[in-house]
Amino acid sequence: MDFESALARLEKLVDEMERENLPLDDLLARYKEGMDLLRICRAQLDA
């Protein structure tokens, strides 16, 4: 995934987590996806 796409998806996940009243399982799934996206962004920034 390119940096811009990963960052856009990460921003969307954060927004969903802040605005929506989600069940814990959904929050955890979004958190995990967000951490994966963060790793992608960090690796590309480091490169």
All heavy atoms as atom14 arrays in JSON, in Angstrom:
{
  "sequence": "MDFESALARLEKLVDEMERENLPLDDLLARYKEGMDLLRICRAQLDA",
  "atom14_mask": [
    [1, 1, 1, 1, 1, 1, 1, 1, 0, 0, 0, 0, 0, 0],
    [1, 1, 1, 1, 1, 1, 1, 1, 0, 0, 0, 0, 0, 0],
    [1, 1, 1, 1, 1, 1, 1, 1, 1, 1, 1, 0, 0, 0],
    [1, 1, 1, 1, 1, 1, 1, 1, 1, 0, 0, 0, 0, 0],
    [1, 1, 1, 1, 1, 1, 0, 0, 0, 0, 0, 0, 0, 0],
    [1, 1, 1, 1, 1, 0, 0, 0, 0, 0, 0, 0, 0, 0],
    [1, 1, 1, 1, 1, 1, 1, 1, 0, 0, 0, 0, 0, 0],
    [1, 1, 1, 1, 1, 0, 0, 0, 0, 0, 0, 0, 0, 0],
    [1, 1, 1, 1, 1, 1, 1, 1, 1, 1, 1, 0, 0, 0],
    [1, 1, 1, 1, 1, 1, 1, 1, 0, 0, 0, 0, 0, 0],
    [1, 1, 1, 1, 1, 1, 1, 1, 1, 0, 0, 0, 0, 0],
    [1, 1, 1, 1, 1, 1, 1, 1, 1, 0, 0, 0, 0, 0],
    [1, 1, 1, 1, 1, 1, 1, 1, 0, 0, 0, 0, 0, 0],
    [1, 1, 1, 1, 1, 1, 1, 0, 0, 0, 0, 0, 0, 0],
    [1, 1, 1, 1, 1, 1, 1, 1, 0, 0, 0, 0, 0, 0],
    [1, 1, 1, 1, 1, 1, 1, 1, 1, 0, 0, 0, 0, 0],
    [1, 1, 1, 1, 1, 1, 1, 1, 0, 0, 0, 0, 0, 0],
    [1, 1, 1, 1, 1, 1, 1, 1, 1, 0, 0, 0, 0, 0],
    [1, 1, 1, 1, 1, 1, 1, 1, 1, 1, 1, 0, 0, 0],
    [1, 1, 1, 1, 1, 1, 1, 1, 1, 0, 0, 0, 0, 0],
    [1, 1, 1, 1, 1, 1, 1, 1, 0, 0, 0, 0, 0, 0],
    [1, 1, 1, 1, 1, 1, 1, 1, 0, 0, 0, 0, 0, 0],
    [1, 1, 1, 1, 1, 1, 1, 0, 0, 0, 0, 0, 0, 0],
    [1, 1, 1, 1, 1, 1, 1, 1, 0, 0, 0, 0, 0, 0],
    [1, 1, 1, 1, 1, 1, 1, 1, 0, 0, 0, 0, 0, 0],
    [1, 1, 1, 1, 1, 1, 1, 1, 0, 0, 0, 0, 0, 0],
    [1, 1, 1, 1, 1, 1, 1, 1, 0, 0, 0, 0, 0, 0],
    [1, 1, 1, 1, 1, 1, 1, 1, 0, 0, 0, 0, 0, 0],
    [1, 1, 1, 1, 1, 0, 0, 0, 0, 0, 0, 0, 0, 0],
    [1, 1, 1, 1, 1, 1, 1, 1, 1, 1, 1, 0, 0, 0],
    [1, 1, 1, 1, 1, 1, 1, 1, 1, 1, 1, 1, 0, 0],
    [1, 1, 1, 1, 1, 1, 1, 1, 1, 0, 0, 0, 0, 0],
    [1, 1, 1, 1, 1, 1, 1, 1, 1, 0, 0, 0, 0, 0],
    [1, 1, 1, 1, 0, 0, 0, 0, 0, 0, 0, 0, 0, 0],
    [1, 1, 1, 1, 1, 1, 1, 1, 0, 0, 0, 0, 0, 0],
    [1, 1, 1, 1, 1, 1, 1, 1, 0, 0, 0, 0, 0, 0],
    [1, 1, 1, 1, 1, 1, 1, 1, 0, 0, 0, 0, 0, 0],
    [1, 1, 1, 1, 1, 1, 1, 1, 0, 0, 0, 0, 0, 0],
    [1, 1, 1, 1, 1, 1, 1, 1, 1, 1, 1, 0, 0, 0],
    [1, 1, 1, 1, 1, 1, 1, 1, 0, 0, 0, 0, 0, 0],
    [1, 1, 1, 1, 1, 1, 0, 0, 0, 0, 0, 0, 0, 0],
    [1, 1, 1, 1, 1, 1, 1, 1, 1, 1, 1, 0, 0, 0],
    [1, 1, 1, 1, 1, 0, 0, 0, 0, 0, 0, 0, 0, 0],
    [1, 1, 1, 1, 1, 1, 1, 1, 1, 0, 0, 0, 0, 0],
    [1, 1, 1, 1, 1, 1, 1, 1, 0, 0, 0, 0, 0, 0],
    [1, 1, 1, 1, 1, 1, 1, 1, 0, 0, 0, 0, 0, 0],
    [1, 1, 1, 1, 1, 0, 0, 0, 0, 0, 0, 0, 0, 0]
  ],
  "atom14_positions": [
    [[0.85, -1.19, 0.0], [0.0, 0.0, 0.0], [0.89, 1.25, 0.0], [1.87, 1.3, 0.73], [-0.9, -0.03, 1.24], [-1.84, 1.14, 1.36], [-2.86, 1.04, 2.86], [-4.12, -0.1, 2.31], [0.0, 0.0, 0.0], [0.0, 0.0, 0.0], [0.0, 0.0, 0.0], [0.0, 0.0, 0.0], [0.0, 0.0, 0.0], [0.0, 0.0, 0.0]],
    [[0.53, 2.24, -0.82], [1.35, 3.44, -0.83], [1.06, 4.29, 0.42], [0.06, 4.1, 1.11], [1.14, 4.25, -2.12], [-0.28, 4.79, -2.28], [-0.75, 5.5, -1.37], [-0.91, 4.5, -3.31], [0.0, 0.0, 0.0], [0.0, 0.0, 0.0], [0.0, 0.0, 0.0], [0.0, 0.0, 0.0], [0.0, 0.0, 0.0], [0.0, 0.0, 0.0]],
    [[1.97, 5.19, 0.7], [1.91, 5.99, 1.93], [0.6, 6.76, 2.04], [-0.04, 6.75, 3.08], [3.1, 6.95, 1.98], [3.09, 7.84, 3.19], [3.57, 7.37, 4.4], [2.58, 9.12, 3.13], [3.55, 8.17, 5.53], [2.55, 9.93, 4.25], [3.04, 9.46, 5.46], [0.0, 0.0, 0.0], [0.0, 0.0, 0.0], [0.0, 0.0, 0.0]],
    [[0.21, 7.4, 0.97], [-0.99, 8.24, 1.0], [-2.25, 7.42, 1.28], [-3.12, 7.85, 2.04], [-1.14, 9.03, -0.31], [-0.09, 10.11, -0.51], [1.28, 9.59, -0.94], [1.4, 8.39, -1.31], [2.23, 10.38, -0.93], [0.0, 0.0, 0.0], [0.0, 0.0, 0.0], [0.0, 0.0, 0.0], [0.0, 0.0, 0.0], [0.0, 0.0, 0.0]],
    [[-2.34, 6.24, 0.68], [-3.5, 5.37, 0.91], [-3.52, 4.86, 2.34], [-4.58, 4.82, 2.98], [-3.49, 4.18, -0.05], [-3.59, 4.62, -1.38], [0.0, 0.0, 0.0], [0.0, 0.0, 0.0], [0.0, 0.0, 0.0], [0.0, 0.0, 0.0], [0.0, 0.0, 0.0], [0.0, 0.0, 0.0], [0.0, 0.0, 0.0], [0.0, 0.0, 0.0]],
    [[-2.35, 4.47, 2.84], [-2.27, 3.97, 4.22], [-2.63, 5.06, 5.21], [-3.38, 4.83, 6.17], [-0.88, 3.43, 4.5], [0.0, 0.0, 0.0], [0.0, 0.0, 0.0], [0.0, 0.0, 0.0], [0.0, 0.0, 0.0], [0.0, 0.0, 0.0], [0.0, 0.0, 0.0], [0.0, 0.0, 0.0], [0.0, 0.0, 0.0], [0.0, 0.0, 0.0]],
    [[-2.13, 6.27, 4.97], [-2.43, 7.38, 5.88], [-3.91, 7.75, 5.84], [-4.53, 7.99, 6.89], [-1.57, 8.59, 5.52], [-1.69, 9.79, 6.44], [-1.32, 9.43, 7.87], [-0.83, 10.94, 5.93], [0.0, 0.0, 0.0], [0.0, 0.0, 0.0], [0.0, 0.0, 0.0], [0.0, 0.0, 0.0], [0.0, 0.0, 0.0], [0.0, 0.0, 0.0]],
    [[-4.5, 7.76, 4.65], [-5.92, 8.08, 4.53], [-6.77, 7.04, 5.26], [-7.73, 7.39, 5.97], [-6.33, 8.16, 3.06], [0.0, 0.0, 0.0], [0.0, 0.0, 0.0], [0.0, 0.0, 0.0], [0.0, 0.0, 0.0], [0.0, 0.0, 0.0], [0.0, 0.0, 0.0], [0.0, 0.0, 0.0], [0.0, 0.0, 0.0], [0.0, 0.0, 0.0]],
    [[-6.44, 5.78, 5.12], [-7.19, 4.72, 5.81], [-7.0, 4.85, 7.32], [-7.96, 4.68, 8.08], [-6.73, 3.34, 5.32], [-7.38, 2.19, 6.02], [-8.89, 2.13, 5.8], [-9.46, 1.05, 6.58], [-10.67, 1.04, 7.09], [-11.5, 2.04, 6.87], [-11.1, 0.02, 7.79], [0.0, 0.0, 0.0], [0.0, 0.0, 0.0], [0.0, 0.0, 0.0]],
    [[-5.78, 5.15, 7.76], [-5.52, 5.33, 9.18], [-6.34, 6.49, 9.75], [-6.94, 6.37, 10.82], [-4.02, 5.58, 9.4], [-3.54, 5.73, 10.84], [-3.91, 4.52, 11.69], [-2.04, 5.97, 10.86], [0.0, 0.0, 0.0], [0.0, 0.0, 0.0], [0.0, 0.0, 0.0], [0.0, 0.0, 0.0], [0.0, 0.0, 0.0], [0.0, 0.0, 0.0]],
    [[-6.4, 7.59, 9.03], [-7.2, 8.73, 9.48], [-8.68, 8.36, 9.57], [-9.38, 8.78, 10.5], [-7.0, 9.92, 8.54], [-5.62, 10.54, 8.67], [-5.33, 11.59, 7.62], [-6.04, 11.63, 6.58], [-4.38, 12.36, 7.83], [0.0, 0.0, 0.0], [0.0, 0.0, 0.0], [0.0, 0.0, 0.0], [0.0, 0.0, 0.0], [0.0, 0.0, 0.0]],
    [[-9.17, 7.59, 8.6], [-10.57, 7.16, 8.62], [-10.85, 6.27, 9.83], [-11.88, 6.42, 10.5], [-10.91, 6.42, 7.33], [-12.36, 6.01, 7.26], [-12.7, 5.33, 5.95], [-14.18, 4.95, 5.98], [-14.58, 4.16, 4.85], [0.0, 0.0, 0.0], [0.0, 0.0, 0.0], [0.0, 0.0, 0.0], [0.0, 0.0, 0.0], [0.0, 0.0, 0.0]],
    [[-9.92, 5.35, 10.13], [-10.09, 4.47, 11.29], [-10.15, 5.27, 12.58], [-11.0, 5.01, 13.45], [-8.94, 3.46, 11.37], [-8.96, 2.31, 10.39], [-7.66, 1.52, 10.5], [-10.15, 1.41, 10.64], [0.0, 0.0, 0.0], [0.0, 0.0, 0.0], [0.0, 0.0, 0.0], [0.0, 0.0, 0.0], [0.0, 0.0, 0.0], [0.0, 0.0, 0.0]],
    [[-9.25, 6.23, 12.72], [-9.23, 7.06, 13.94], [-10.54, 7.82, 14.07], [-11.14, 7.86, 15.15], [-8.02, 8.02, 13.92], [-8.12, 9.04, 15.04], [-6.72, 7.23, 14.04], [0.0, 0.0, 0.0], [0.0, 0.0, 0.0], [0.0, 0.0, 0.0], [0.0, 0.0, 0.0], [0.0, 0.0, 0.0], [0.0, 0.0, 0.0], [0.0, 0.0, 0.0]],
    [[-11.01, 8.37, 12.97], [-12.27, 9.1, 12.99], [-13.42, 8.19, 13.4], [-14.25, 8.56, 14.24], [-12.55, 9.71, 11.61], [-13.79, 10.58, 11.61], [-13.84, 11.54, 12.41], [-14.72, 10.3, 10.82], [0.0, 0.0, 0.0], [0.0, 0.0, 0.0], [0.0, 0.0, 0.0], [0.0, 0.0, 0.0], [0.0, 0.0, 0.0], [0.0, 0.0, 0.0]],
    [[-13.47, 6.98, 12.85], [-14.53, 6.03, 13.21], [-14.47, 5.68, 14.69], [-15.49, 5.61, 15.37], [-14.4, 4.75, 12.38], [-14.76, 4.9, 10.93], [-14.44, 3.65, 10.12], [-13.94, 2.65, 10.68], [-14.69, 3.68, 8.9], [0.0, 0.0, 0.0], [0.0, 0.0, 0.0], [0.0, 0.0, 0.0], [0.0, 0.0, 0.0], [0.0, 0.0, 0.0]],
    [[-13.26, 5.47, 15.19], [-13.1, 5.09, 16.59], [-13.51, 6.23, 17.53], [-14.03, 5.99, 18.61], [-11.65, 4.67, 16.86], [-11.3, 3.35, 16.18], [-9.55, 2.94, 16.3], [-9.4, 2.53, 18.04], [0.0, 0.0, 0.0], [0.0, 0.0, 0.0], [0.0, 0.0, 0.0], [0.0, 0.0, 0.0], [0.0, 0.0, 0.0], [0.0, 0.0, 0.0]],
    [[-13.28, 7.47, 17.1], [-13.62, 8.62, 17.93], [-15.11, 8.96, 17.88], [-15.69, 9.37, 18.88], [-12.81, 9.84, 17.51], [-11.35, 9.72, 17.86], [-10.54, 10.91, 17.39], [-11.0, 11.69, 16.53], [-9.41, 11.05, 17.88], [0.0, 0.0, 0.0], [0.0, 0.0, 0.0], [0.0, 0.0, 0.0], [0.0, 0.0, 0.0], [0.0, 0.0, 0.0]],
    [[-15.73, 8.79, 16.73], [-17.09, 9.26, 16.53], [-18.18, 8.2, 16.76], [-19.28, 8.53, 17.14], [-17.25, 9.82, 15.12], [-16.42, 11.05, 14.88], [-16.66, 11.59, 13.49], [-15.8, 12.7, 13.22], [-16.11, 13.97, 13.46], [-17.26, 14.27, 13.99], [-15.27, 14.94, 13.18], [0.0, 0.0, 0.0], [0.0, 0.0, 0.0], [0.0, 0.0, 0.0]],
    [[-17.85, 6.96, 16.49], [-18.87, 5.92, 16.56], [-18.82, 5.19, 17.89], [-17.77, 5.05, 18.5], [-18.67, 4.92, 15.41], [-18.86, 5.55, 14.04], [-18.64, 4.58, 12.91], [-18.78, 3.36, 13.12], [-18.33, 5.04, 11.8], [0.0, 0.0, 0.0], [0.0, 0.0, 0.0], [0.0, 0.0, 0.0], [0.0, 0.0, 0.0], [0.0, 0.0, 0.0]],
    [[-19.98, 4.75, 18.31], [-20.07, 3.95, 19.53], [-19.97, 2.48, 19.12], [-20.97, 1.82, 18.87], [-21.4, 4.24, 20.24], [-21.48, 3.59, 21.59], [-20.46, 3.17, 22.15], [-22.68, 3.49, 22.13], [0.0, 0.0, 0.0], [0.0, 0.0, 0.0], [0.0, 0.0, 0.0], [0.0, 0.0, 0.0], [0.0, 0.0, 0.0], [0.0, 0.0, 0.0]],
    [[-18.74, 2.0, 19.05], [-18.48, 0.66, 18.52], [-18.32, -0.35, 19.65], [-17.8, -0.02, 20.71], [-17.2, 0.67, 17.68], [-17.22, 1.57, 16.46], [-15.82, 1.68, 15.87], [-18.19, 1.04, 15.42], [0.0, 0.0, 0.0], [0.0, 0.0, 0.0], [0.0, 0.0, 0.0], [0.0, 0.0, 0.0], [0.0, 0.0, 0.0], [0.0, 0.0, 0.0]],
    [[-18.7, -1.59, 19.39], [-18.44, -2.66, 20.35], [-16.93, -2.86, 20.5], [-16.15, -2.56, 19.58], [-19.08, -3.9, 19.73], [-19.95, -3.42, 18.63], [-19.46, -2.08, 18.22], [0.0, 0.0, 0.0], [0.0, 0.0, 0.0], [0.0, 0.0, 0.0], [0.0, 0.0, 0.0], [0.0, 0.0, 0.0], [0.0, 0.0, 0.0], [0.0, 0.0, 0.0]],
    [[-16.53, -3.38, 21.63], [-15.12, -3.57, 21.93], [-14.4, -4.38, 20.86], [-13.28, -4.03, 20.44], [-14.96, -4.23, 23.3], [-13.52, -4.46, 23.77], [-12.76, -3.14, 23.86], [-13.51, -5.17, 25.11], [0.0, 0.0, 0.0], [0.0, 0.0, 0.0], [0.0, 0.0, 0.0], [0.0, 0.0, 0.0], [0.0, 0.0, 0.0], [0.0, 0.0, 0.0]],
    [[-15.01, -5.44, 20.38], [-14.37, -6.27, 19.34], [-14.07, -5.45, 18.08], [-13.02, -5.61, 17.46], [-15.23, -7.48, 18.98], [-15.23, -8.54, 20.07], [-14.32, -8.51, 20.93], [-16.12, -9.4, 20.04], [0.0, 0.0, 0.0], [0.0, 0.0, 0.0], [0.0, 0.0, 0.0], [0.0, 0.0, 0.0], [0.0, 0.0, 0.0], [0.0, 0.0, 0.0]],
    [[-15.0, -4.58, 17.69], [-14.79, -3.74, 16.52], [-13.68, -2.72, 16.76], [-12.87, -2.44, 15.88], [-16.08, -3.02, 16.13], [-17.13, -3.96, 15.56], [-16.8, -5.12, 15.24], [-18.3, -3.54, 15.45], [0.0, 0.0, 0.0], [0.0, 0.0, 0.0], [0.0, 0.0, 0.0], [0.0, 0.0, 0.0], [0.0, 0.0, 0.0], [0.0, 0.0, 0.0]],
    [[-13.66, -2.15, 17.97], [-12.6, -1.22, 18.32], [-11.23, -1.89, 18.25], [-10.27, -1.33, 17.73], [-12.82, -0.63, 19.71], [-13.9, 0.43, 19.84], [-14.16, 0.73, 21.32], [-13.51, 1.68, 19.1], [0.0, 0.0, 0.0], [0.0, 0.0, 0.0], [0.0, 0.0, 0.0], [0.0, 0.0, 0.0], [0.0, 0.0, 0.0], [0.0, 0.0, 0.0]],
    [[-11.15, -3.08, 18.8], [-9.88, -3.81, 18.79], [-9.44, -4.15, 17.37], [-8.24, -4.07, 17.05], [-9.98, -5.08, 19.64], [-10.1, -4.84, 21.15], [-10.37, -6.16, 21.87], [-8.87, -4.17, 21.68], [0.0, 0.0, 0.0], [0.0, 0.0, 0.0], [0.0, 0.0, 0.0], [0.0, 0.0, 0.0], [0.0, 0.0, 0.0], [0.0, 0.0, 0.0]],
    [[-10.37, -4.53, 16.53], [-10.04, -4.83, 15.13], [-9.52, -3.59, 14.42], [-8.53, -3.65, 13.68], [-11.26, -5.4, 14.41], [0.0, 0.0, 0.0], [0.0, 0.0, 0.0], [0.0, 0.0, 0.0], [0.0, 0.0, 0.0], [0.0, 0.0, 0.0], [0.0, 0.0, 0.0], [0.0, 0.0, 0.0], [0.0, 0.0, 0.0], [0.0, 0.0, 0.0]],
    [[-10.16, -2.44, 14.66], [-9.71, -1.19, 14.05], [-8.35, -0.78, 14.6], [-7.5, -0.28, 13.87], [-10.75, -0.1, 14.26], [-11.93, -0.22, 13.32], [-13.03, 0.78, 13.68], [-14.1, 0.81, 12.72], [-15.06, -0.09, 12.61], [-15.08, -1.15, 13.41], [-16.01, 0.03, 11.7], [0.0, 0.0, 0.0], [0.0, 0.0, 0.0], [0.0, 0.0, 0.0]],
    [[-8.14, -0.99, 15.89], [-6.86, -0.67, 16.5], [-5.74, -1.5, 15.86], [-4.69, -0.97, 15.49], [-6.91, -0.92, 18.01], [-5.61, -0.61, 18.69], [-5.29, 0.69, 19.05], [-4.69, -1.62, 18.97], [-4.09, 0.99, 19.66], [-3.49, -1.33, 19.6], [-3.19, -0.04, 19.94], [-2.0, 0.24, 20.55], [0.0, 0.0, 0.0], [0.0, 0.0, 0.0]],
    [[-5.99, -2.79, 15.69], [-4.98, -3.67, 15.08], [-4.68, -3.22, 13.65], [-3.52, -3.13, 13.25], [-5.45, -5.12, 15.08], [-4.42, -6.07, 14.49], [-4.93, -7.48, 14.39], [-3.93, -8.43, 13.78], [-3.24, -7.98, 12.6], [0.0, 0.0, 0.0], [0.0, 0.0, 0.0], [0.0, 0.0, 0.0], [0.0, 0.0, 0.0], [0.0, 0.0, 0.0]],
    [[-5.72, -2.94, 12.88], [-5.52, -2.48, 11.51], [-4.75, -1.16, 11.51], [-3.84, -0.96, 10.69], [-6.87, -2.3, 10.79], [-6.7, -1.87, 9.35], [-8.01, -1.66, 8.61], [-9.09, -1.94, 9.17], [-7.94, -1.2, 7.45], [0.0, 0.0, 0.0], [0.0, 0.0, 0.0], [0.0, 0.0, 0.0], [0.0, 0.0, 0.0], [0.0, 0.0, 0.0]],
    [[-5.09, -0.28, 12.44], [-4.39, 1.0, 12.53], [-2.91, 0.82, 12.83], [-2.06, 1.51, 12.25], [0.0, 0.0, 0.0], [0.0, 0.0, 0.0], [0.0, 0.0, 0.0], [0.0, 0.0, 0.0], [0.0, 0.0, 0.0], [0.0, 0.0, 0.0], [0.0, 0.0, 0.0], [0.0, 0.0, 0.0], [0.0, 0.0, 0.0], [0.0, 0.0, 0.0]],
    [[-2.58, -0.11, 13.71], [-1.17, -0.36, 14.03], [-0.44, -0.92, 12.81], [0.71, -0.56, 12.56], [-1.06, -1.31, 15.22], [-1.54, -0.71, 16.53], [-0.73, 0.85, 16.97], [0.94, 0.29, 17.23], [0.0, 0.0, 0.0], [0.0, 0.0, 0.0], [0.0, 0.0, 0.0], [0.0, 0.0, 0.0], [0.0, 0.0, 0.0], [0.0, 0.0, 0.0]],
    [[-1.1, -1.78, 12.05], [-0.49, -2.3, 10.82], [-0.24, -1.16, 9.82], [0.81, -1.09, 9.18], [-1.39, -3.36, 10.18], [-1.45, -4.65, 10.99], [-0.58, -4.88, 11.85], [-2.41, -5.43, 10.76], [0.0, 0.0, 0.0], [0.0, 0.0, 0.0], [0.0, 0.0, 0.0], [0.0, 0.0, 0.0], [0.0, 0.0, 0.0], [0.0, 0.0, 0.0]],
    [[-1.22, -0.27, 9.7], [-1.07, 0.87, 8.8], [0.05, 1.8, 9.27], [0.81, 2.33, 8.46], [-2.39, 1.65, 8.7], [-3.52, 0.92, 7.97], [-4.85, 1.58, 8.26], [-3.25, 0.88, 6.47], [0.0, 0.0, 0.0], [0.0, 0.0, 0.0], [0.0, 0.0, 0.0], [0.0, 0.0, 0.0], [0.0, 0.0, 0.0], [0.0, 0.0, 0.0]],
    [[0.14, 1.98, 10.56], [1.2, 2.81, 11.12], [2.58, 2.24, 10.79], [3.5, 2.98, 10.43], [1.02, 2.93, 12.63], [1.92, 3.9, 13.35], [1.75, 5.31, 12.82], [1.62, 3.86, 14.84], [0.0, 0.0, 0.0], [0.0, 0.0, 0.0], [0.0, 0.0, 0.0], [0.0, 0.0, 0.0], [0.0, 0.0, 0.0], [0.0, 0.0, 0.0]],
    [[2.72, 0.92, 10.85], [3.98, 0.28, 10.5], [4.33, 0.52, 9.02], [5.49, 0.76, 8.67], [3.92, -1.22, 10.78], [4.12, -1.57, 12.23], [4.22, -3.1, 12.4], [3.78, -3.55, 13.69], [2.54, -3.68, 14.13], [1.53, -3.37, 13.36], [2.28, -4.12, 15.34], [0.0, 0.0, 0.0], [0.0, 0.0, 0.0], [0.0, 0.0, 0.0]],
    [[3.32, 0.43, 8.16], [3.53, 0.68, 6.74], [4.0, 2.11, 6.51], [4.99, 2.36, 5.81], [2.24, 0.39, 5.93], [1.94, -1.1, 5.92], [2.35, 0.94, 4.5], [0.57, -1.46, 5.37], [0.0, 0.0, 0.0], [0.0, 0.0, 0.0], [0.0, 0.0, 0.0], [0.0, 0.0, 0.0], [0.0, 0.0, 0.0], [0.0, 0.0, 0.0]],
    [[3.32, 3.07, 7.15], [3.69, 4.47, 7.0], [5.1, 4.72, 7.53], [5.91, 5.39, 6.88], [2.69, 5.37, 7.73], [1.06, 5.46, 6.96], [0.0, 0.0, 0.0], [0.0, 0.0, 0.0], [0.0, 0.0, 0.0], [0.0, 0.0, 0.0], [0.0, 0.0, 0.0], [0.0, 0.0, 0.0], [0.0, 0.0, 0.0], [0.0, 0.0, 0.0]],
    [[5.41, 4.19, 8.69], [6.72, 4.39, 9.3], [7.83, 3.81, 8.41], [8.86, 4.44, 8.2], [6.76, 3.75, 10.69], [8.1, 3.71, 11.37], [8.86, 5.0, 11.47], [8.13, 6.04, 12.16], [8.52, 7.31, 12.18], [9.63, 7.67, 11.57], [7.82, 8.22, 12.78], [0.0, 0.0, 0.0], [0.0, 0.0, 0.0], [0.0, 0.0, 0.0]],
    [[7.61, 2.63, 7.87], [8.62, 2.0, 7.01], [8.87, 2.85, 5.76], [10.02, 3.03, 5.34], [8.17, 0.59, 6.61], [0.0, 0.0, 0.0], [0.0, 0.0, 0.0], [0.0, 0.0, 0.0], [0.0, 0.0, 0.0], [0.0, 0.0, 0.0], [0.0, 0.0, 0.0], [0.0, 0.0, 0.0], [0.0, 0.0, 0.0], [0.0, 0.0, 0.0]],
    [[7.81, 3.4, 5.2], [7.97, 4.21, 4.0], [8.64, 5.54, 4.31], [9.45, 6.04, 3.53], [6.62, 4.39, 3.3], [6.14, 3.09, 2.71], [4.86, 3.21, 1.91], [4.46, 4.3, 1.5], [4.21, 2.09, 1.69], [0.0, 0.0, 0.0], [0.0, 0.0, 0.0], [0.0, 0.0, 0.0], [0.0, 0.0, 0.0], [0.0, 0.0, 0.0]],
    [[8.32, 6.12, 5.46], [8.98, 7.36, 5.86], [10.46, 7.11, 6.14], [11.31, 7.92, 5.76], [8.31, 7.95, 7.1], [6.95, 8.6, 6.88], [6.32, 8.97, 8.21], [7.06, 9.81, 5.97], [0.0, 0.0, 0.0], [0.0, 0.0, 0.0], [0.0, 0.0, 0.0], [0.0, 0.0, 0.0], [0.0, 0.0, 0.0], [0.0, 0.0, 0.0]],
    [[10.77, 6.01, 6.78], [12.17, 5.66, 7.04], [12.94, 5.47, 5.74], [14.08, 5.93, 5.6], [12.27, 4.39, 7.9], [11.84, 4.62, 9.34], [11.71, 5.79, 9.77], [11.62, 3.61, 10.05], [0.0, 0.0, 0.0], [0.0, 0.0, 0.0], [0.0, 0.0, 0.0], [0.0, 0.0, 0.0], [0.0, 0.0, 0.0], [0.0, 0.0, 0.0]],
    [[12.32, 4.8, 4.77], [12.96, 4.58, 3.48], [13.19, 5.91, 2.76], [14.25, 6.13, 2.16], [12.12, 3.64, 2.62], [0.0, 0.0, 0.0], [0.0, 0.0, 0.0], [0.0, 0.0, 0.0], [0.0, 0.0, 0.0], [0.0, 0.0, 0.0], [0.0, 0.0, 0.0], [0.0, 0.0, 0.0], [0.0, 0.0, 0.0], [0.0, 0.0, 0.0]]
  ]
}
